[in-house]
Amino acid sequence: MSAQPSQLTVLAVDDSPVMQKMIHNALKDEYNVLLADNAVDALSTIYHQTIALILLDVSMPGVDGLELCRTVRSLPQFQNLPIIMLTARDGAFDKVQGRLAGATEYLTKPFDGEHLRQTLRQFLSPTNTEA
């Protein structure tokens, strides 16, 4: 089963199967959604697929989302890839850490599906040249 050619691919990285399902359900009508539950699988996916945007949880076993974000940002071919942190950590310090790690945007869980889609459109719209 392949995605429609017009659909961009979003990679959601979250170790929670429940959260993966919620993200997939919120985005499946507009995007081809790939899922990974750890940093190793996520890195493998971005090397082997054309990914338009990454949704990234901070709290994961092993390599956390902040470290994965820093790793992706250190790779020249992915420096401009939009990375949206989607996490339950909602403190000001957490948001600063996310930005310092290279996150393009920082959203908190629980998320509203429409707000998530609007945020993705902001970064994935072919006409996002307006300031």
N, C-alpha and C. Protein backbone atom coordinates (compact mmCIF):
# COMPACT_ATOMS: atom_id res chain seq x y z
N MET A 1 0.84 -1.19 0.00
CA MET A 1 0.00 0.00 0.00
C MET A 1 0.88 1.24 0.00
N SER A 2 0.81 2.01 -1.01
CA SER A 2 1.62 3.22 -1.04
C SER A 2 0.75 4.43 -0.83
N ALA A 3 1.39 5.49 -0.38
CA ALA A 3 0.66 6.73 -0.13
C ALA A 3 0.31 7.38 -1.46
N GLN A 4 -0.66 8.26 -1.41
CA GLN A 4 -1.00 9.02 -2.61
C GLN A 4 0.21 9.89 -2.94
N PRO A 5 0.51 10.05 -4.22
CA PRO A 5 1.70 10.81 -4.60
C PRO A 5 1.72 12.23 -4.04
N SER A 6 0.56 12.81 -3.84
CA SER A 6 0.51 14.19 -3.37
C SER A 6 0.75 14.31 -1.87
N GLN A 7 0.73 13.20 -1.16
CA GLN A 7 0.87 13.27 0.29
C GLN A 7 2.34 13.33 0.71
N LEU A 8 2.62 14.27 1.60
CA LEU A 8 3.95 14.34 2.20
C LEU A 8 4.02 13.30 3.31
N THR A 9 5.23 12.88 3.63
CA THR A 9 5.42 11.87 4.67
C THR A 9 5.90 12.52 5.96
N VAL A 10 5.19 12.18 7.04
CA VAL A 10 5.52 12.66 8.38
C VAL A 10 5.97 11.44 9.20
N LEU A 11 7.07 11.58 9.92
CA LEU A 11 7.55 10.53 10.81
C LEU A 11 7.21 10.92 12.24
N ALA A 12 6.43 10.08 12.91
CA ALA A 12 6.09 10.30 14.32
C ALA A 12 6.92 9.34 15.17
N VAL A 13 7.71 9.90 16.07
CA VAL A 13 8.58 9.09 16.93
C VAL A 13 8.07 9.19 18.35
N ASP A 14 7.49 8.09 18.84
CA ASP A 14 6.92 8.07 20.19
C ASP A 14 6.91 6.62 20.66
N ASP A 15 7.32 6.38 21.90
CA ASP A 15 7.37 5.01 22.39
C ASP A 15 6.02 4.50 22.87
N SER A 16 5.00 5.34 22.87
CA SER A 16 3.67 4.94 23.33
C SER A 16 2.80 4.50 22.15
N PRO A 17 2.38 3.23 22.12
CA PRO A 17 1.49 2.77 21.04
C PRO A 17 0.18 3.57 21.00
N VAL A 18 -0.32 3.98 22.16
CA VAL A 18 -1.55 4.76 22.21
C VAL A 18 -1.34 6.12 21.53
N MET A 19 -0.23 6.77 21.85
CA MET A 19 0.07 8.08 21.26
C MET A 19 0.32 7.94 19.76
N GLN A 20 1.01 6.88 19.35
CA GLN A 20 1.25 6.64 17.92
C GLN A 20 -0.08 6.56 17.18
N LYS A 21 -1.03 5.83 17.76
CA LYS A 21 -2.35 5.67 17.12
C LYS A 21 -3.08 7.01 17.05
N MET A 22 -3.00 7.80 18.11
CA MET A 22 -3.67 9.10 18.13
C MET A 22 -3.07 10.03 17.06
N ILE A 23 -1.75 10.05 16.96
CA ILE A 23 -1.08 10.89 15.96
C ILE A 23 -1.46 10.41 14.55
N HIS A 24 -1.38 9.11 14.34
CA HIS A 24 -1.73 8.54 13.03
C HIS A 24 -3.16 8.91 12.64
N ASN A 25 -4.09 8.74 13.57
CA ASN A 25 -5.50 9.05 13.28
C ASN A 25 -5.71 10.54 12.99
N ALA A 26 -4.96 11.39 13.67
CA ALA A 26 -5.11 12.84 13.47
C ALA A 26 -4.57 13.29 12.12
N LEU A 27 -3.58 12.57 11.60
CA LEU A 27 -2.87 13.04 10.40
C LEU A 27 -3.09 12.22 9.14
N LYS A 28 -3.65 11.03 9.26
CA LYS A 28 -3.68 10.09 8.13
C LYS A 28 -4.43 10.59 6.90
N ASP A 29 -5.40 11.49 7.08
CA ASP A 29 -6.15 11.97 5.92
C ASP A 29 -5.36 12.97 5.07
N GLU A 30 -4.36 13.61 5.68
CA GLU A 30 -3.59 14.62 4.95
C GLU A 30 -2.15 14.21 4.65
N TYR A 31 -1.64 13.26 5.41
CA TYR A 31 -0.22 12.89 5.28
C TYR A 31 -0.03 11.39 5.30
N ASN A 32 1.06 10.96 4.70
CA ASN A 32 1.50 9.58 4.85
C ASN A 32 2.25 9.56 6.19
N VAL A 33 1.77 8.81 7.16
CA VAL A 33 2.34 8.82 8.50
C VAL A 33 3.14 7.54 8.74
N LEU A 34 4.42 7.71 9.01
CA LEU A 34 5.28 6.60 9.40
C LEU A 34 5.50 6.69 10.90
N LEU A 35 5.64 5.54 11.55
CA LEU A 35 5.79 5.52 13.01
C LEU A 35 7.10 4.83 13.40
N ALA A 36 7.73 5.35 14.44
CA ALA A 36 8.91 4.72 15.02
C ALA A 36 8.78 4.87 16.53
N ASP A 37 9.25 3.88 17.27
CA ASP A 37 9.13 3.98 18.73
C ASP A 37 10.47 4.16 19.42
N ASN A 38 11.53 4.40 18.64
CA ASN A 38 12.84 4.65 19.24
C ASN A 38 13.73 5.41 18.25
N ALA A 39 14.83 5.93 18.76
CA ALA A 39 15.72 6.78 17.96
C ALA A 39 16.40 6.01 16.84
N VAL A 40 16.78 4.78 17.08
CA VAL A 40 17.48 4.00 16.06
C VAL A 40 16.57 3.78 14.84
N ASP A 41 15.33 3.37 15.09
CA ASP A 41 14.39 3.16 13.99
C ASP A 41 14.09 4.49 13.27
N ALA A 42 14.01 5.57 14.04
CA ALA A 42 13.72 6.88 13.45
C ALA A 42 14.85 7.30 12.50
N LEU A 43 16.10 7.15 12.94
CA LEU A 43 17.23 7.51 12.09
C LEU A 43 17.28 6.64 10.83
N SER A 44 17.01 5.36 10.99
CA SER A 44 16.97 4.47 9.84
C SER A 44 15.90 4.93 8.85
N THR A 45 14.75 5.32 9.36
CA THR A 45 13.65 5.76 8.50
C THR A 45 14.01 7.02 7.73
N ILE A 46 14.60 8.01 8.41
CA ILE A 46 14.89 9.26 7.69
C ILE A 46 15.99 9.07 6.64
N TYR A 47 16.83 8.05 6.81
CA TYR A 47 17.85 7.77 5.81
C TYR A 47 17.27 7.04 4.60
N HIS A 48 16.21 6.27 4.80
CA HIS A 48 15.67 5.43 3.74
C HIS A 48 14.37 5.93 3.12
N GLN A 49 13.77 6.95 3.68
CA GLN A 49 12.52 7.50 3.17
C GLN A 49 12.67 9.01 3.02
N THR A 50 11.86 9.59 2.17
CA THR A 50 11.84 11.04 2.08
C THR A 50 10.84 11.56 3.10
N ILE A 51 11.34 12.16 4.17
CA ILE A 51 10.50 12.64 5.27
C ILE A 51 10.37 14.15 5.16
N ALA A 52 9.14 14.65 5.26
CA ALA A 52 8.90 16.09 5.17
C ALA A 52 8.99 16.77 6.54
N LEU A 53 8.70 15.99 7.60
CA LEU A 53 8.66 16.56 8.95
C LEU A 53 8.73 15.43 9.96
N ILE A 54 9.34 15.71 11.12
CA ILE A 54 9.39 14.73 12.21
C ILE A 54 8.60 15.27 13.39
N LEU A 55 7.73 14.43 13.95
CA LEU A 55 7.08 14.70 15.23
C LEU A 55 7.83 13.85 16.25
N LEU A 56 8.28 14.47 17.32
CA LEU A 56 9.22 13.80 18.20
C LEU A 56 8.85 13.95 19.67
N ASP A 57 8.70 12.81 20.34
CA ASP A 57 8.46 12.82 21.78
C ASP A 57 9.81 13.02 22.48
N VAL A 58 9.79 13.70 23.61
CA VAL A 58 11.04 13.91 24.35
C VAL A 58 11.36 12.68 25.20
N SER A 59 10.37 12.19 25.92
CA SER A 59 10.60 11.11 26.88
C SER A 59 10.51 9.74 26.22
N MET A 60 11.68 9.17 25.92
CA MET A 60 11.72 7.82 25.36
C MET A 60 12.88 7.08 26.01
N PRO A 61 12.75 5.76 26.15
CA PRO A 61 13.86 5.00 26.73
C PRO A 61 15.07 5.01 25.79
N GLY A 62 16.26 4.86 26.37
CA GLY A 62 17.47 4.91 25.55
C GLY A 62 17.76 6.33 25.14
N VAL A 63 17.86 6.58 23.85
CA VAL A 63 18.13 7.93 23.34
C VAL A 63 16.82 8.72 23.39
N ASP A 64 16.80 9.81 24.14
CA ASP A 64 15.56 10.59 24.24
C ASP A 64 15.39 11.51 23.04
N GLY A 65 14.25 12.17 22.98
CA GLY A 65 13.93 13.01 21.84
C GLY A 65 14.87 14.18 21.65
N LEU A 66 15.35 14.75 22.76
CA LEU A 66 16.29 15.88 22.65
C LEU A 66 17.59 15.45 22.00
N GLU A 67 18.09 14.30 22.41
CA GLU A 67 19.34 13.78 21.83
C GLU A 67 19.14 13.42 20.37
N LEU A 68 18.00 12.81 20.05
CA LEU A 68 17.71 12.47 18.66
C LEU A 68 17.62 13.74 17.82
N CYS A 69 16.99 14.77 18.35
CA CYS A 69 16.88 16.04 17.64
C CYS A 69 18.27 16.62 17.37
N ARG A 70 19.13 16.62 18.37
CA ARG A 70 20.50 17.13 18.19
C ARG A 70 21.25 16.31 17.13
N THR A 71 21.04 14.99 17.15
CA THR A 71 21.71 14.11 16.18
C THR A 71 21.24 14.42 14.76
N VAL A 72 19.93 14.55 14.57
CA VAL A 72 19.40 14.87 13.24
C VAL A 72 19.93 16.22 12.77
N ARG A 73 19.95 17.19 13.67
CA ARG A 73 20.43 18.54 13.31
C ARG A 73 21.92 18.54 12.95
N SER A 74 22.67 17.58 13.47
CA SER A 74 24.11 17.54 13.19
C SER A 74 24.41 16.97 11.80
N LEU A 75 23.41 16.39 11.16
CA LEU A 75 23.59 15.81 9.83
C LEU A 75 23.23 16.86 8.77
N PRO A 76 24.18 17.23 7.92
CA PRO A 76 23.95 18.34 6.98
C PRO A 76 22.69 18.20 6.14
N GLN A 77 22.37 16.99 5.69
CA GLN A 77 21.21 16.83 4.80
C GLN A 77 19.88 17.02 5.53
N PHE A 78 19.90 17.05 6.86
CA PHE A 78 18.65 17.18 7.62
C PHE A 78 18.58 18.47 8.44
N GLN A 79 19.49 19.40 8.20
CA GLN A 79 19.52 20.62 9.02
C GLN A 79 18.27 21.46 8.87
N ASN A 80 17.60 21.41 7.71
CA ASN A 80 16.39 22.21 7.51
C ASN A 80 15.10 21.41 7.64
N LEU A 81 15.20 20.16 8.03
CA LEU A 81 14.01 19.32 8.21
C LEU A 81 13.22 19.83 9.42
N PRO A 82 11.93 20.16 9.23
CA PRO A 82 11.15 20.61 10.40
C PRO A 82 11.02 19.49 11.43
N ILE A 83 11.32 19.82 12.68
CA ILE A 83 11.17 18.87 13.78
C ILE A 83 10.26 19.51 14.82
N ILE A 84 9.14 18.87 15.08
CA ILE A 84 8.20 19.37 16.07
C ILE A 84 8.22 18.45 17.27
N MET A 85 8.61 18.99 18.41
CA MET A 85 8.55 18.22 19.65
C MET A 85 7.09 18.12 20.05
N LEU A 86 6.64 16.92 20.34
CA LEU A 86 5.27 16.69 20.79
C LEU A 86 5.39 15.88 22.06
N THR A 87 5.27 16.55 23.21
CA THR A 87 5.64 15.92 24.47
C THR A 87 4.76 16.38 25.62
N ALA A 88 4.74 15.59 26.67
CA ALA A 88 3.99 15.95 27.88
C ALA A 88 4.77 16.96 28.73
N ARG A 89 6.05 17.11 28.46
CA ARG A 89 6.87 18.07 29.22
C ARG A 89 6.52 19.48 28.77
N ASP A 90 5.86 20.23 29.65
CA ASP A 90 5.37 21.54 29.21
C ASP A 90 5.93 22.72 29.99
N GLY A 91 7.01 22.50 30.72
CA GLY A 91 7.62 23.60 31.45
C GLY A 91 8.42 24.52 30.54
N ALA A 92 8.62 25.75 30.98
CA ALA A 92 9.39 26.72 30.18
C ALA A 92 10.79 26.19 29.90
N PHE A 93 11.41 25.58 30.91
CA PHE A 93 12.76 25.04 30.75
C PHE A 93 12.77 23.94 29.69
N ASP A 94 11.73 23.09 29.70
CA ASP A 94 11.64 22.02 28.71
C ASP A 94 11.57 22.59 27.30
N LYS A 95 10.79 23.67 27.14
CA LYS A 95 10.64 24.29 25.82
C LYS A 95 11.96 24.91 25.35
N VAL A 96 12.69 25.51 26.28
CA VAL A 96 14.00 26.07 25.94
C VAL A 96 14.95 24.95 25.53
N GLN A 97 14.92 23.85 26.27
CA GLN A 97 15.78 22.71 25.93
C GLN A 97 15.45 22.19 24.53
N GLY A 98 14.17 22.13 24.21
CA GLY A 98 13.74 21.67 22.89
C GLY A 98 14.27 22.57 21.79
N ARG A 99 14.16 23.88 22.01
CA ARG A 99 14.66 24.84 21.01
C ARG A 99 16.18 24.74 20.87
N LEU A 100 16.87 24.62 21.99
CA LEU A 100 18.33 24.51 21.95
C LEU A 100 18.78 23.24 21.23
N ALA A 101 17.97 22.18 21.35
CA ALA A 101 18.30 20.92 20.67
C ALA A 101 18.07 21.02 19.17
N GLY A 102 17.33 22.06 18.74
CA GLY A 102 17.11 22.25 17.32
C GLY A 102 15.67 22.07 16.87
N ALA A 103 14.75 21.95 17.82
CA ALA A 103 13.34 21.77 17.44
C ALA A 103 12.81 23.02 16.74
N THR A 104 12.03 22.82 15.70
CA THR A 104 11.43 23.91 14.96
C THR A 104 10.23 24.47 15.73
N GLU A 105 9.51 23.58 16.40
CA GLU A 105 8.30 23.96 17.15
C GLU A 105 8.19 23.02 18.34
N TYR A 106 7.42 23.44 19.35
CA TYR A 106 7.28 22.63 20.56
C TYR A 106 5.80 22.61 20.94
N LEU A 107 5.18 21.45 20.84
CA LEU A 107 3.77 21.29 21.21
C LEU A 107 3.67 20.33 22.39
N THR A 108 2.62 20.49 23.17
CA THR A 108 2.47 19.63 24.34
C THR A 108 1.28 18.68 24.20
N LYS A 109 1.40 17.55 24.87
CA LYS A 109 0.33 16.55 24.95
C LYS A 109 -0.47 16.86 26.21
N PRO A 110 -1.73 16.52 26.26
CA PRO A 110 -2.49 15.98 25.14
C PRO A 110 -2.67 17.05 24.08
N PHE A 111 -2.70 16.61 22.82
CA PHE A 111 -2.80 17.57 21.72
C PHE A 111 -4.19 17.55 21.11
N ASP A 112 -4.52 18.64 20.49
CA ASP A 112 -5.77 18.76 19.73
C ASP A 112 -5.43 18.44 18.28
N GLY A 113 -6.15 17.51 17.67
CA GLY A 113 -5.86 17.08 16.31
C GLY A 113 -5.85 18.21 15.31
N GLU A 114 -6.82 19.10 15.39
CA GLU A 114 -6.89 20.21 14.43
C GLU A 114 -5.70 21.16 14.62
N HIS A 115 -5.33 21.43 15.86
CA HIS A 115 -4.17 22.30 16.12
C HIS A 115 -2.89 21.66 15.58
N LEU A 116 -2.77 20.35 15.75
CA LEU A 116 -1.60 19.65 15.22
C LEU A 116 -1.55 19.76 13.70
N ARG A 117 -2.68 19.54 13.04
CA ARG A 117 -2.72 19.64 11.57
C ARG A 117 -2.39 21.06 11.11
N GLN A 118 -2.91 22.07 11.81
CA GLN A 118 -2.61 23.46 11.45
C GLN A 118 -1.11 23.75 11.60
N THR A 119 -0.52 23.23 12.66
CA THR A 119 0.91 23.45 12.88
C THR A 119 1.73 22.79 11.77
N LEU A 120 1.36 21.58 11.39
CA LEU A 120 2.08 20.91 10.31
C LEU A 120 1.92 21.66 9.00
N ARG A 121 0.71 22.14 8.72
CA ARG A 121 0.49 22.90 7.49
C ARG A 121 1.38 24.13 7.44
N GLN A 122 1.59 24.74 8.59
CA GLN A 122 2.42 25.94 8.67
C GLN A 122 3.84 25.65 8.17
N PHE A 123 4.35 24.44 8.45
CA PHE A 123 5.71 24.09 8.06
C PHE A 123 5.78 23.35 6.74
N LEU A 124 4.68 22.78 6.29
CA LEU A 124 4.70 21.94 5.10
C LEU A 124 3.98 22.55 3.90
N SER A 125 3.34 23.67 4.10
CA SER A 125 2.63 24.31 3.00
C SER A 125 3.61 24.76 1.94
N PRO A 126 3.30 24.49 0.66
CA PRO A 126 4.20 24.94 -0.41
C PRO A 126 4.25 26.47 -0.51
N THR A 127 3.30 27.12 0.13
CA THR A 127 3.27 28.59 0.07
C THR A 127 3.62 29.20 1.43
N ASN A 128 4.47 28.54 2.20
CA ASN A 128 4.79 29.09 3.51
C ASN A 128 5.90 30.13 3.43
N THR A 129 5.83 30.95 2.38
CA THR A 129 6.83 32.00 2.21
C THR A 129 6.42 33.29 2.91
N GLU A 130 5.16 33.38 3.32
CA GLU A 130 4.77 34.59 4.04
C GLU A 130 5.38 34.58 5.44
N ALA A 131 5.68 35.74 5.94
CA ALA A 131 6.37 35.85 7.24
C ALA A 131 5.44 35.61 8.38
